[in-house]
Protein backbone atom coordinates (compact mmCIF):
# COMPACT_ATOMS: atom_id res chain seq x y z
CA MET A 1 76.31 114.36 -118.95
CA ARG A 2 75.35 110.80 -118.14
CA LEU A 3 76.26 110.40 -114.50
CA PHE A 4 75.29 106.83 -113.64
CA VAL A 5 75.97 104.05 -116.12
CA TYR A 6 76.25 100.89 -114.03
CA GLN A 7 73.32 99.05 -112.57
CA LYS A 8 73.32 97.99 -108.95
CA ALA A 9 75.41 94.90 -108.54
CA ARG A 10 73.48 91.74 -109.07
CA TYR A 11 76.11 89.60 -107.35
CA ARG A 12 75.27 88.78 -103.79
CA TYR A 13 76.57 86.52 -101.07
CA THR A 14 74.18 84.89 -98.73
CA CYS A 15 75.02 83.17 -95.47
CA THR A 16 74.48 79.43 -95.21
CA LEU A 17 75.27 77.74 -91.91
CA PRO A 18 76.77 74.26 -92.33
CA GLY A 19 74.45 72.98 -89.62
CA PRO A 20 75.65 70.39 -87.15
CA ILE A 21 79.35 71.08 -87.51
CA PHE A 22 78.91 74.30 -85.57
CA ALA A 23 79.02 74.12 -81.83
CA LYS A 24 76.22 75.67 -79.84
CA THR A 25 76.64 79.39 -79.31
CA MET A 26 74.59 82.08 -77.61
CA THR A 27 71.33 82.97 -79.29
CA ASP A 28 70.64 86.47 -80.54
CA VAL A 29 68.42 86.97 -77.50
CA GLU A 30 71.25 86.03 -75.16
CA LYS A 31 73.86 88.20 -76.84
CA PRO A 32 74.06 91.87 -75.94
CA ILE A 33 73.15 94.20 -78.79
CA ASN A 34 76.27 95.88 -80.19
CA PHE A 35 76.39 99.48 -81.39
CA ILE A 36 76.08 98.55 -85.09
CA GLN A 37 72.95 96.50 -84.39
CA GLN A 38 71.58 99.49 -82.49
CA VAL A 39 72.19 101.69 -85.54
CA ILE A 40 70.53 99.19 -87.87
CA ASN A 41 67.54 98.78 -85.56
CA ALA A 42 67.08 102.55 -85.49
CA ASP A 43 67.42 102.82 -89.29
CA LEU A 44 64.84 100.11 -89.87
CA SER A 45 62.42 101.54 -87.31
CA ALA A 46 62.67 105.04 -88.81
CA GLY A 47 62.26 103.75 -92.35
CA ARG A 48 65.65 105.08 -93.46
CA VAL A 49 66.57 101.56 -94.57
CA LYS A 50 64.24 98.94 -96.02
CA LYS A 51 66.75 96.15 -96.52
CA VAL A 52 70.15 95.76 -94.88
CA ILE A 53 73.04 95.44 -97.33
CA THR A 54 76.60 95.02 -96.09
CA ARG A 55 79.86 94.15 -97.82
CA PHE A 56 83.24 92.57 -97.24
CA PRO A 57 85.75 94.32 -99.57
CA PRO A 58 89.27 92.82 -99.46
CA GLU A 59 92.01 93.98 -101.77
CA PRO A 60 93.38 90.91 -103.61
CA ASN A 61 97.00 91.58 -102.66
CA GLY A 62 97.44 88.71 -100.19
CA TYR A 63 95.64 85.96 -98.33
CA LEU A 64 92.96 86.55 -95.71
CA HIS A 65 93.92 86.14 -92.06
CA ILE A 66 92.11 85.61 -88.76
CA GLY A 67 91.50 89.36 -88.45
CA HIS A 68 89.62 89.32 -91.73
CA ALA A 69 87.58 86.39 -90.44
CA LYS A 70 86.07 88.62 -87.76
CA SER A 71 85.10 91.21 -90.37
CA ILE A 72 83.60 88.47 -92.56
CA CYS A 73 81.55 87.15 -89.65
CA VAL A 74 80.41 90.65 -88.66
CA ASN A 75 79.29 91.68 -92.14
CA PHE A 76 77.75 88.41 -93.25
CA GLY A 77 76.33 87.88 -89.77
CA LEU A 78 74.53 91.23 -89.84
CA ALA A 79 73.09 90.46 -93.26
CA GLU A 80 71.89 87.09 -92.03
CA GLN A 81 70.39 88.48 -88.82
CA TYR A 82 68.35 91.13 -90.61
CA GLY A 83 67.38 89.09 -93.64
CA GLY A 84 69.60 91.19 -95.89
CA ILE A 85 72.49 90.51 -98.23
CA CYS A 86 76.25 90.83 -98.06
CA ASN A 87 78.54 91.42 -101.02
CA LEU A 88 81.98 89.99 -101.37
CA ARG A 89 83.72 92.74 -103.33
CA PHE A 90 87.28 92.84 -104.52
CA ASP A 91 88.75 96.34 -104.31
CA ASP A 92 91.05 95.66 -107.24
CA THR A 93 92.25 99.20 -107.91
CA ASN A 94 96.00 98.55 -107.73
CA PRO A 95 97.20 96.08 -110.40
CA GLU A 96 100.81 96.45 -109.21
CA LYS A 97 100.15 94.41 -106.05
CA GLU A 98 97.13 92.31 -106.99
CA ASP A 99 96.94 88.85 -108.47
CA GLU A 100 94.35 86.27 -109.55
CA GLU A 101 95.94 83.83 -107.08
CA PHE A 102 94.77 86.03 -104.23
CA VAL A 103 91.29 86.40 -105.73
CA GLN A 104 90.81 82.66 -105.89
CA ALA A 105 92.28 82.14 -102.41
CA ILE A 106 89.87 84.69 -100.93
CA ILE A 107 86.88 83.11 -102.66
CA GLU A 108 87.92 79.70 -101.34
CA ASP A 109 88.29 81.06 -97.81
CA VAL A 110 84.88 82.75 -97.78
CA GLU A 111 83.21 79.62 -99.14
CA TRP A 112 85.03 77.42 -96.64
CA LEU A 113 83.84 79.60 -93.76
CA GLY A 114 80.31 78.67 -94.74
CA TYR A 115 79.03 81.45 -97.02
CA ASP A 116 77.29 80.84 -100.31
CA LEU A 117 78.85 82.72 -103.22
CA GLY A 118 75.64 82.77 -105.21
CA GLU A 119 76.33 84.20 -108.68
CA GLY A 120 79.84 85.38 -107.83
CA PRO A 121 81.67 88.32 -106.29
CA CYS A 122 81.65 92.01 -107.18
CA TYR A 123 84.74 93.87 -108.38
CA ALA A 124 85.76 97.51 -108.16
CA SER A 125 87.00 97.12 -111.72
CA ASN A 126 83.39 96.59 -112.80
CA TYR A 127 82.84 100.25 -111.95
CA PHE A 128 85.90 101.87 -113.55
CA GLU A 129 83.85 103.57 -116.28
CA GLN A 130 81.42 105.01 -113.77
CA LEU A 131 84.18 106.19 -111.45
CA TYR A 132 85.86 107.97 -114.36
CA ILE A 133 82.61 109.75 -115.19
CA TRP A 134 82.29 110.87 -111.57
CA ALA A 135 85.90 112.09 -111.57
CA LYS A 136 85.13 114.31 -114.57
CA TYR A 137 81.98 115.51 -112.81
CA LEU A 138 84.06 116.72 -109.83
CA ILE A 139 86.32 118.61 -112.23
CA THR A 140 83.34 120.37 -113.85
CA GLN A 141 82.08 121.34 -110.37
CA GLY A 142 85.42 122.90 -109.48
CA LYS A 143 86.12 120.18 -106.91
CA ALA A 144 89.01 118.34 -108.60
CA TYR A 145 92.08 119.27 -110.63
CA VAL A 146 95.04 117.69 -112.39
CA CYS A 147 98.21 118.26 -110.37
CA GLU A 148 101.80 118.05 -111.64
CA LEU A 149 103.54 117.82 -108.28
CA ASN A 150 105.59 114.65 -107.93
CA ALA A 151 105.22 112.34 -104.94
CA GLU A 152 107.99 114.02 -102.93
CA GLN A 153 106.65 117.51 -103.62
CA MET A 154 103.14 116.41 -102.74
CA ARG A 155 104.33 115.16 -99.33
CA GLU A 156 106.07 118.49 -98.77
CA TYR A 157 102.97 120.49 -99.67
CA ARG A 158 100.69 118.28 -97.57
CA GLY A 159 102.13 119.47 -94.28
CA THR A 160 102.17 117.48 -91.03
CA LEU A 161 99.89 116.72 -88.12
CA THR A 162 100.99 120.00 -86.53
CA GLU A 163 101.53 122.12 -89.66
CA VAL A 164 98.89 122.96 -92.27
CA GLY A 165 99.54 122.20 -95.89
CA LYS A 166 99.83 124.66 -98.74
CA ASN A 167 98.00 124.77 -102.02
CA SER A 168 99.45 123.15 -105.11
CA PRO A 169 100.46 125.68 -107.79
CA PHE A 170 98.13 123.73 -110.12
CA ARG A 171 95.09 123.98 -107.82
CA ASP A 172 93.44 126.77 -109.82
CA ARG A 173 93.87 125.05 -113.16
CA THR A 174 90.75 125.46 -115.30
CA ALA A 175 88.24 122.65 -115.57
CA VAL A 176 88.73 122.54 -119.35
CA GLU A 177 92.48 122.02 -118.98
CA SER A 178 92.10 119.44 -116.22
CA LEU A 179 89.54 117.49 -118.27
CA SER A 180 91.89 117.46 -121.25
CA LEU A 181 94.89 116.37 -119.19
CA LEU A 182 92.86 113.66 -117.43
CA GLU A 183 91.91 112.22 -120.82
CA ASP A 184 95.58 112.28 -121.87
CA MET A 185 96.42 110.44 -118.66
CA ARG A 186 93.78 107.84 -119.43
CA LEU A 187 95.09 107.34 -122.97
CA GLY A 188 98.65 106.78 -121.75
CA LEU A 189 100.05 110.02 -123.18
CA ILE A 190 101.48 111.15 -119.83
CA ASP A 191 104.41 109.50 -118.04
CA GLU A 192 103.90 107.70 -114.76
CA GLY A 193 104.38 109.99 -111.79
CA ALA A 194 104.06 113.14 -113.84
CA MET A 195 100.44 113.91 -112.96
CA THR A 196 97.63 112.95 -110.63
CA LEU A 197 94.00 113.91 -110.30
CA ARG A 198 93.31 115.41 -106.87
CA ALA A 199 90.17 116.45 -105.05
CA LYS A 200 90.00 120.14 -104.13
CA ILE A 201 88.99 120.14 -100.47
CA ASP A 202 91.06 121.92 -97.78
CA MET A 203 94.84 121.99 -97.44
CA ALA A 204 94.47 123.47 -93.95
CA SER A 205 92.21 120.72 -92.65
CA PRO A 206 93.33 119.13 -89.36
CA ASN A 207 92.51 115.80 -91.04
CA ILE A 208 95.37 115.12 -93.45
CA ASN A 209 93.10 112.84 -95.49
CA LEU A 210 91.16 115.95 -96.57
CA ARG A 211 94.21 117.82 -97.86
CA ASP A 212 93.46 117.41 -101.55
CA PRO A 213 93.71 113.60 -101.74
CA VAL A 214 94.66 111.79 -104.93
CA LEU A 215 91.72 110.40 -106.94
CA TYR A 216 93.63 108.93 -109.89
CA ARG A 217 97.28 108.06 -110.50
CA ILE A 218 99.00 106.91 -113.67
CA LYS A 219 99.96 103.22 -113.75
CA LYS A 220 100.84 101.87 -117.17
CA MET A 221 100.22 98.33 -116.13
CA ALA A 222 97.77 95.70 -117.28
CA HIS A 223 94.96 94.87 -114.91
CA GLN A 224 94.08 91.23 -114.20
CA ARG A 225 90.48 91.79 -115.32
CA THR A 226 90.47 94.87 -117.59
CA GLY A 227 93.74 94.19 -119.39
CA ASP A 228 95.37 97.21 -121.06
CA LYS A 229 92.20 99.30 -121.20
CA TRP A 230 93.27 101.69 -118.46
CA ASN A 231 96.46 103.65 -117.85
CA ILE A 232 95.06 105.31 -114.75
CA TYR A 233 93.52 103.71 -111.69
CA PRO A 234 91.32 105.18 -108.95
CA SER A 235 92.60 105.43 -105.40
CA TYR A 236 91.00 103.29 -102.72
CA ASP A 237 89.52 106.34 -100.98
CA PHE A 238 87.89 107.58 -104.16
CA ALA A 239 86.57 104.20 -105.22
CA HIS A 240 85.36 102.72 -101.95
CA GLY A 241 82.39 104.86 -101.05
CA GLN A 242 81.20 105.03 -104.62
CA GLU A 243 81.33 101.26 -104.92
CA ASP A 244 79.15 101.06 -101.82
CA ALA A 245 76.70 103.49 -103.42
CA ILE A 246 76.51 101.52 -106.67
CA GLU A 247 75.82 98.31 -104.78
CA GLY A 248 73.23 99.92 -102.54
CA VAL A 249 75.22 99.17 -99.38
CA THR A 250 73.34 100.56 -96.39
CA HIS A 251 75.90 99.96 -93.66
CA SER A 252 79.55 100.02 -94.68
CA VAL A 253 81.14 98.33 -91.68
CA CYS A 254 84.93 98.39 -91.47
CA THR A 255 87.70 98.35 -88.88
CA LEU A 256 88.91 101.31 -86.86
CA GLU A 257 91.95 102.18 -88.98
CA PHE A 258 89.47 103.61 -91.51
CA ALA A 259 87.86 106.00 -89.02
CA ALA A 260 90.09 108.89 -90.12
CA ASN A 261 89.02 108.22 -93.71
CA ARG A 262 85.30 108.55 -92.94
CA PRO A 263 85.17 112.38 -93.45
CA LEU A 264 86.63 111.86 -96.93
CA TYR A 265 84.18 108.99 -97.55
CA GLU A 266 81.34 111.36 -96.65
CA TRP A 267 82.78 114.23 -98.72
CA PHE A 268 82.55 112.07 -101.83
CA THR A 269 79.05 110.81 -101.05
CA THR A 270 77.93 114.43 -100.47
CA ASN A 271 79.52 115.92 -103.57
CA LEU A 272 78.67 113.26 -106.15
CA PRO A 273 75.27 112.40 -107.70
CA LEU A 274 75.21 108.85 -106.34
CA PRO A 275 72.34 106.36 -106.69
CA SER A 276 72.34 105.82 -102.89
CA ILE A 277 74.05 107.24 -99.84
CA PRO A 278 75.86 104.61 -97.78
CA ARG A 279 77.11 105.26 -94.25
CA GLN A 280 80.37 104.03 -92.79
CA TYR A 281 80.76 102.57 -89.30
CA GLU A 282 83.96 101.32 -87.68
CA PHE A 283 84.61 98.62 -85.09
CA GLY A 284 87.74 97.36 -83.35
CA ARG A 285 89.89 94.97 -85.34
CA LEU A 286 90.94 91.56 -84.06
CA ASN A 287 94.53 91.21 -82.90
CA LEU A 288 95.96 88.01 -81.42
CA ASN A 289 99.07 87.84 -79.28
CA TYR A 290 102.10 85.86 -80.45
CA THR A 291 101.21 86.54 -84.07
CA ILE A 292 100.83 89.36 -86.57
CA THR A 293 97.92 90.38 -88.77
CA SER A 294 99.62 92.92 -90.98
CA LYS A 295 99.27 91.73 -94.58
CA ARG A 296 102.48 93.54 -95.49
CA LYS A 297 104.45 91.76 -92.76
CA LEU A 298 102.88 88.40 -93.55
CA LYS A 299 103.98 88.92 -97.15
CA GLN A 300 107.49 89.62 -95.89
CA LEU A 301 107.55 86.29 -94.07
CA VAL A 302 106.47 84.55 -97.27
CA ASP A 303 108.78 86.41 -99.65
CA GLN A 304 111.85 85.92 -97.45
CA GLY A 305 111.19 82.21 -96.95
CA HIS A 306 110.64 82.27 -93.19
CA VAL A 307 107.47 80.22 -93.74
CA ASP A 308 106.35 77.78 -96.42
CA GLY A 309 104.02 80.16 -98.26
CA TRP A 310 100.78 81.88 -97.28
CA SER A 311 99.22 78.56 -96.32
CA ASP A 312 101.96 77.50 -93.92
CA PRO A 313 100.17 76.01 -90.87
CA ARG A 314 102.06 78.45 -88.62
CA MET A 315 100.55 81.45 -90.42
CA PRO A 316 97.43 83.21 -89.08
CA THR A 317 95.93 83.12 -92.58
CA ILE A 318 92.61 81.36 -93.01
CA SER A 319 94.23 78.97 -95.49
CA GLY A 320 97.07 78.31 -93.02
CA LEU A 321 94.62 77.63 -90.20
CA ARG A 322 92.64 75.32 -92.52
CA ARG A 323 95.80 73.39 -93.47
CA ARG A 324 96.68 73.11 -89.79
CA GLY A 325 93.28 71.53 -89.11
CA VAL A 326 91.34 74.38 -87.53
CA SER A 327 87.71 74.04 -88.54
CA ALA A 328 85.50 76.73 -90.02
CA ALA A 329 83.15 76.19 -87.10
CA ALA A 330 85.88 76.99 -84.57
CA ILE A 331 86.84 80.19 -86.38
CA ARG A 332 83.26 81.35 -86.70
CA ASN A 333 82.36 80.52 -83.12
CA PHE A 334 85.46 82.34 -81.91
CA CYS A 335 84.79 85.44 -84.01
CA ASN A 336 81.13 85.53 -83.01
CA SER A 337 82.12 85.38 -79.34
CA LEU A 338 84.11 88.61 -79.60
CA ALA A 339 82.67 92.00 -78.80
CA VAL A 340 81.90 94.34 -81.68
CA ALA A 341 83.16 97.51 -80.04
CA LYS A 342 84.62 100.91 -80.94
CA THR A 343 88.05 100.08 -79.57
CA ASP A 344 90.87 97.84 -80.72
CA GLY A 345 92.05 95.08 -78.45
CA THR A 346 94.36 92.10 -78.33
CA VAL A 347 92.88 88.69 -77.66
CA ASP A 348 94.90 85.99 -75.93
CA MET A 349 95.65 83.05 -78.19
CA ALA A 350 94.34 80.73 -75.47
CA GLN A 351 90.84 82.12 -76.06
CA PHE A 352 90.98 81.10 -79.70
CA GLU A 353 92.38 77.69 -78.76
CA HIS A 354 89.47 77.13 -76.39
CA PHE A 355 87.09 77.21 -79.35
CA ILE A 356 89.37 75.00 -81.45
CA ARG A 357 89.49 72.32 -78.74
CA ASP A 358 85.77 72.52 -78.05
CA ASP A 359 84.97 71.90 -81.69
CA LEU A 360 87.51 69.13 -82.24
CA ASN A 361 86.59 67.32 -79.05
CA VAL A 362 83.07 66.95 -80.41
CA ASN A 363 83.85 66.35 -84.08
CA ALA A 364 87.27 64.69 -84.38
CA GLY A 365 87.37 60.92 -84.75
CA ARG A 366 89.80 58.99 -82.55
CA ALA A 367 92.88 57.18 -83.75
CA MET A 368 96.26 56.02 -82.44
CA CYS A 369 99.66 57.12 -83.65
CA VAL A 370 103.03 56.29 -82.11
CA PHE A 371 105.55 59.10 -82.58
CA LYS A 372 108.67 57.21 -81.42
CA PRO A 373 108.01 53.50 -82.05
CA PHE A 374 109.28 51.11 -79.38
CA LEU A 375 108.91 47.36 -79.96
CA ILE A 376 106.97 45.16 -77.54
CA THR A 377 106.94 41.40 -78.12
CA LEU A 378 104.31 39.35 -76.31
CA SER A 379 105.89 36.10 -75.27
CA ASN A 380 102.64 34.27 -74.47
CA TYR A 381 100.64 35.35 -77.49
CA SER A 382 100.82 34.15 -81.11
CA GLU A 383 97.40 34.99 -82.52
CA GLN A 384 96.12 37.73 -84.84
CA GLU A 385 93.02 39.57 -83.68
CA GLN A 386 90.91 42.51 -84.66
CA PHE A 387 89.04 44.79 -82.28
CA ASN A 388 86.10 46.93 -83.32
CA VAL A 389 86.18 50.17 -81.37
CA PRO A 390 84.16 53.40 -81.60
CA CYS A 391 85.47 56.17 -83.85
CA HIS A 392 84.27 58.57 -81.16
CA PRO A 393 83.43 57.72 -77.53
CA ASN A 394 80.30 59.88 -77.49
CA ARG A 395 79.05 59.81 -81.08
CA GLU A 396 77.70 56.46 -82.19
CA GLU A 397 76.72 57.88 -85.60
CA LEU A 398 80.40 58.09 -86.53
CA GLY A 399 80.60 54.31 -86.51
CA GLN A 400 83.48 52.04 -85.59
CA ARG A 401 87.03 51.41 -86.70
CA THR A 402 89.06 48.18 -86.74
CA LEU A 403 92.30 47.73 -84.81
CA ASP A 404 94.71 44.93 -85.73
CA PHE A 405 96.43 43.19 -82.82
CA GLY A 406 99.26 40.66 -82.91
CA ARG A 407 102.32 39.27 -81.18
CA GLN A 408 104.35 42.43 -81.79
CA ILE A 409 103.16 45.96 -81.24
CA TYR A 410 104.66 49.44 -81.00
CA ILE A 411 104.24 51.76 -78.06
CA ASP A 412 105.82 55.18 -77.69
CA ARG A 413 109.37 55.17 -76.34
CA SER A 414 108.32 57.65 -73.64
CA ASP A 415 105.82 55.12 -72.31
CA PHE A 416 108.50 52.75 -71.01
CA SER A 417 111.11 53.10 -68.29
CA GLU A 418 113.52 50.60 -66.83
CA ASP A 419 113.59 52.63 -63.61
CA THR A 420 111.54 50.51 -61.23
CA THR A 421 111.81 53.13 -58.49
CA LEU A 422 109.47 55.55 -60.26
CA SER A 423 106.28 56.09 -58.30
CA ARG A 424 102.97 55.17 -59.86
CA LYS A 425 101.83 58.77 -59.43
CA LYS A 426 104.86 60.14 -61.27
CA PHE A 427 105.02 57.54 -64.06
CA LYS A 428 101.71 56.00 -65.12
CA ARG A 429 103.26 53.91 -67.87
CA LEU A 430 105.09 50.64 -68.43
CA VAL A 431 107.83 49.54 -66.02
CA ILE A 432 109.61 46.20 -65.73
CA GLY A 433 107.58 43.85 -63.55
CA GLU A 434 104.43 45.96 -63.66
CA TYR A 435 101.27 46.25 -65.75
CA VAL A 436 99.63 48.74 -68.10
CA ARG A 437 96.46 48.53 -70.14
CA LEU A 438 96.69 48.93 -73.86
CA ARG A 439 93.98 51.26 -75.10
CA SER A 440 90.97 49.18 -76.28
CA ALA A 441 93.00 45.95 -75.86
CA TYR A 442 94.70 43.77 -73.27
CA ILE A 443 96.57 44.38 -70.06
CA ILE A 444 100.25 43.54 -70.43
CA ARG A 445 103.25 43.20 -68.09
CA ALA A 446 106.85 44.07 -68.95
CA ASP A 447 109.11 41.12 -68.19
CA GLU A 448 112.49 41.50 -69.90
CA ILE A 449 114.63 44.12 -71.60
CA ILE A 450 116.65 43.45 -74.76
CA LYS A 451 119.55 45.79 -75.50
CA ASP A 452 121.85 46.23 -78.46
CA ALA A 453 125.65 46.20 -78.38
CA ALA A 454 125.70 49.85 -77.41
CA GLY A 455 123.51 49.19 -74.42
CA GLU A 456 120.43 50.83 -75.89
CA ILE A 457 117.06 49.20 -75.23
CA ILE A 458 115.64 47.98 -78.54
CA GLU A 459 112.83 45.70 -77.37
CA VAL A 460 110.81 44.69 -74.33
CA ILE A 461 109.49 41.19 -73.86
CA ALA A 462 106.09 41.33 -72.20
CA SER A 463 103.30 38.95 -71.27
CA LEU A 464 99.63 39.43 -72.00
CA VAL A 465 96.91 38.97 -69.40
CA PRO A 466 94.14 36.95 -71.10
CA ASP A 467 90.48 37.93 -71.07
CA THR A 468 91.13 41.57 -70.22
CA VAL A 469 89.79 43.22 -73.38
CA GLY A 470 86.99 45.42 -72.17
CA GLN A 471 87.12 43.69 -68.78
CA ASP A 472 88.24 44.78 -65.35
CA ALA A 473 91.70 43.74 -64.28
CA PRO A 474 91.86 40.40 -62.42
CA GLU A 475 92.25 40.55 -58.68
CA GLY A 476 95.78 41.38 -57.65
CA ILE A 477 96.62 43.13 -60.93
CA ARG A 478 96.68 46.91 -60.83
CA PRO A 479 97.76 48.58 -64.08
CA ARG A 480 99.77 51.75 -63.74
CA GLY A 481 97.81 53.43 -66.52
CA VAL A 482 96.49 53.24 -70.08
CA ILE A 483 98.79 53.74 -73.07
CA HIS A 484 98.26 53.79 -76.83
CA TRP A 485 99.81 51.40 -79.35
CA VAL A 486 99.71 50.18 -82.94
CA SER A 487 100.29 46.82 -84.61
CA LYS A 488 103.85 46.31 -85.85
CA HIS A 489 102.72 44.42 -88.95
CA THR A 490 99.82 46.57 -90.17
CA SER A 491 100.67 50.04 -88.93
CA VAL A 492 101.64 52.63 -91.54
CA ASP A 493 104.66 54.92 -91.65
CA CYS A 494 103.88 58.61 -91.50
CA THR A 495 105.40 62.00 -90.76
CA VAL A 496 104.00 64.21 -88.03
CA ASN A 497 104.46 67.98 -87.93
CA VAL A 498 104.15 69.58 -84.50
CA TYR A 499 103.80 73.35 -84.31
CA ASP A 500 104.51 75.97 -81.69
CA ARG A 501 104.14 79.73 -81.65
CA LEU A 502 105.68 81.44 -84.68
CA PHE A 503 107.08 84.17 -82.44
CA THR A 504 108.71 84.05 -79.02
CA VAL A 505 107.10 87.24 -77.66
CA ALA A 506 103.48 88.29 -77.37
CA SER A 507 103.87 91.45 -79.50
CA PRO A 508 106.58 90.76 -82.09
CA ASP A 509 105.92 93.94 -84.12
CA GLU A 510 105.23 96.35 -81.29
CA GLY A 511 106.87 99.77 -81.53
CA ASP A 512 110.17 99.69 -83.38
CA ARG A 513 110.62 95.93 -82.98
CA ASP A 514 111.80 93.91 -85.94
CA MET A 515 109.54 90.86 -85.92
CA LEU A 516 112.29 88.75 -87.50
CA ASP A 517 114.31 89.06 -84.29
CA TYR A 518 111.60 87.12 -82.48
CA LEU A 519 110.94 84.22 -84.83
CA ASN A 520 110.69 80.97 -82.90
CA PRO A 521 113.34 78.52 -84.20
CA ASP A 522 111.29 75.65 -82.79
CA SER A 523 107.96 76.66 -84.34
CA LEU A 524 108.00 73.46 -86.42
CA VAL A 525 109.23 70.03 -85.34
CA GLU A 526 109.06 67.37 -88.07
CA MET A 527 108.95 63.80 -86.80
CA THR A 528 109.59 61.05 -89.33
CA GLY A 529 109.20 57.30 -88.86
CA CYS A 530 105.99 57.59 -86.86
CA LYS A 531 103.49 54.73 -86.95
CA VAL A 532 99.75 55.25 -87.36
CA GLU A 533 96.98 52.65 -87.29
CA ALA A 534 96.26 51.08 -90.67
CA GLY A 535 92.85 52.70 -91.14
CA LEU A 536 94.43 56.13 -91.66
CA VAL A 537 96.43 55.19 -94.73
CA ASP A 538 93.72 56.79 -96.84
CA ALA A 539 93.02 59.71 -94.51
CA ILE A 540 91.49 62.69 -96.31
CA ALA A 541 93.02 66.13 -96.02
CA GLY A 542 90.74 68.25 -93.87
CA ASP A 543 89.41 65.37 -91.79
CA HIS A 544 90.15 65.73 -88.11
CA TYR A 545 91.53 63.12 -85.73
CA GLN A 546 92.38 63.00 -82.10
CA PHE A 547 95.54 60.96 -81.80
CA GLU A 548 94.80 59.54 -78.38
CA ARG A 549 96.94 61.00 -75.61
CA GLU A 550 98.76 63.26 -78.11
CA GLY A 551 96.47 65.92 -79.55
CA TYR A 552 94.36 66.81 -82.57
CA PHE A 553 95.67 66.27 -86.10
CA THR A 554 94.70 66.50 -89.75
CA ARG A 555 96.29 65.15 -92.90
CA ASP A 556 98.43 67.79 -94.57
CA SER A 557 96.78 69.15 -97.72
CA GLY A 558 100.12 70.51 -98.91
CA ASP A 559 101.77 67.08 -99.36
CA LEU A 560 99.27 64.54 -100.61
CA ASP A 561 102.00 62.34 -102.13
CA ASN A 562 103.08 61.33 -98.62
CA LEU A 563 101.23 60.50 -95.43
CA VAL A 564 101.82 63.63 -93.34
CA PHE A 565 99.76 64.75 -90.36
CA ASN A 566 99.77 68.29 -88.99
CA CYS A 567 99.17 68.90 -85.32
CA THR A 568 96.26 71.27 -84.97
CA ILE A 569 96.47 71.69 -81.22
CA GLY A 570 97.40 69.70 -78.13
CA LEU A 571 94.85 68.19 -75.78
CA ARG A 572 95.61 70.98 -73.35
CA ASP A 573 97.55 74.22 -73.30
CA ASN A 574 101.20 73.33 -72.78
CA TRP A 575 102.60 76.74 -73.70
CA LYS A 576 105.01 78.19 -71.21
CA ALA A 577 104.26 81.68 -70.05
């Protein structure tokens, strides 16, 4: 019998840092050595491993989220640190839930995070022939059998955490009969649900995963890559370790929920004639408060229309974070700051936001946008001017931008009050009879209010103080503060989306909670009729801007037909405890 028919995967991912976009982080010398690094160091020193090979193996049944980002950074980071390689592998063993859309989305996310795809990803489906050969090998060794128990009967026979299971009545079926039935299953001659191939291990094991787990189940469904070739598909547990062996993976690093599966992983690697023997190690997964990282529950939000798809900027998916304006650098720096430990933990969202702000403060160009336009007419000014101002106060290499200035400008409605009793400490904005400085422009004084028939203020007549652009205020003039503005005649209409937490409680899916009961009705506020400076009319999706005094924004990649900006994060944490 030919036992190994597939060569080691030639597809490899290598890590490529995008250079200056990444903020400075601790060096490897400064970082404490985690337990996986300790294992690798020992393996290399003892000669058990010559080259480190890791993998990141998502199932293409949804989009990647921030929790996956940590696993990506851990696996690719280890490969980079030790001069090894990391495989992106799709565990595409369940055509019922998988789709090419998810494959492409995952590839895009991994690339965007800064990793080079090289020749392309690996696929579990590449190894279906080999896995089938190994399944027949287990049958010939008396370690697998075709079982005719249905799903309900199988659960009954499996037992519980406190009660041992009992053997299937088909457990002692001969190898010849099992081999024949397995071939019938493969050819589509057996109905779905009628039979499975199971490993013969121990129905009394305290680990339920070792109670004769399913290796193959019948699914008469076309596969996105193999078409109608197969009527049976391997289980994740059967496929995973063998895929690692085929690819020569030395350290199969996964999250803690797979710890109970490790004895089964090792049973397969012990009982099959594999080309290599990988080892599995588990670390704590990343959980963030005020969000969820269950792919099943994220899919529920999408399917039921509670969010605008997987890439909704309120979602914790990598594509959602990208659309919201979070940079790859911020995600990577955040993930690399987290401990790689043997326990799960929940990280406060504020910790993630710290890295987002740090990155955007350095890399986001400055601009001005008025959310609620309020007309100011300068009574003593009739010219048209342009001011050249830095795109970033601390980065000359980003160049300058041009601001148009004229007789009429817009400020934000919140920046004016007719209440002259407000203290300067309480209200550092424009008040009748007093001065403010316009950002990068003149000092002005509010002189007169114009109201409509309903008594609503529609315009303020103000006077400009000459020769105050870039100059100190003249003696006797003390501006209350500095406010932003845009030209009435050249500013551009835009829509601004402001986001809040998707959920109103820190742990929306804890215990028996229904997460839908805690959806935040104010998680999205859409503001139309905003005015942005003219230079942003051609803003590129993915570019980052600090709207001065408001927060960090990016042009929405989901609506390129209109000028829409998504708020990435405020200038400071304004969340209420």
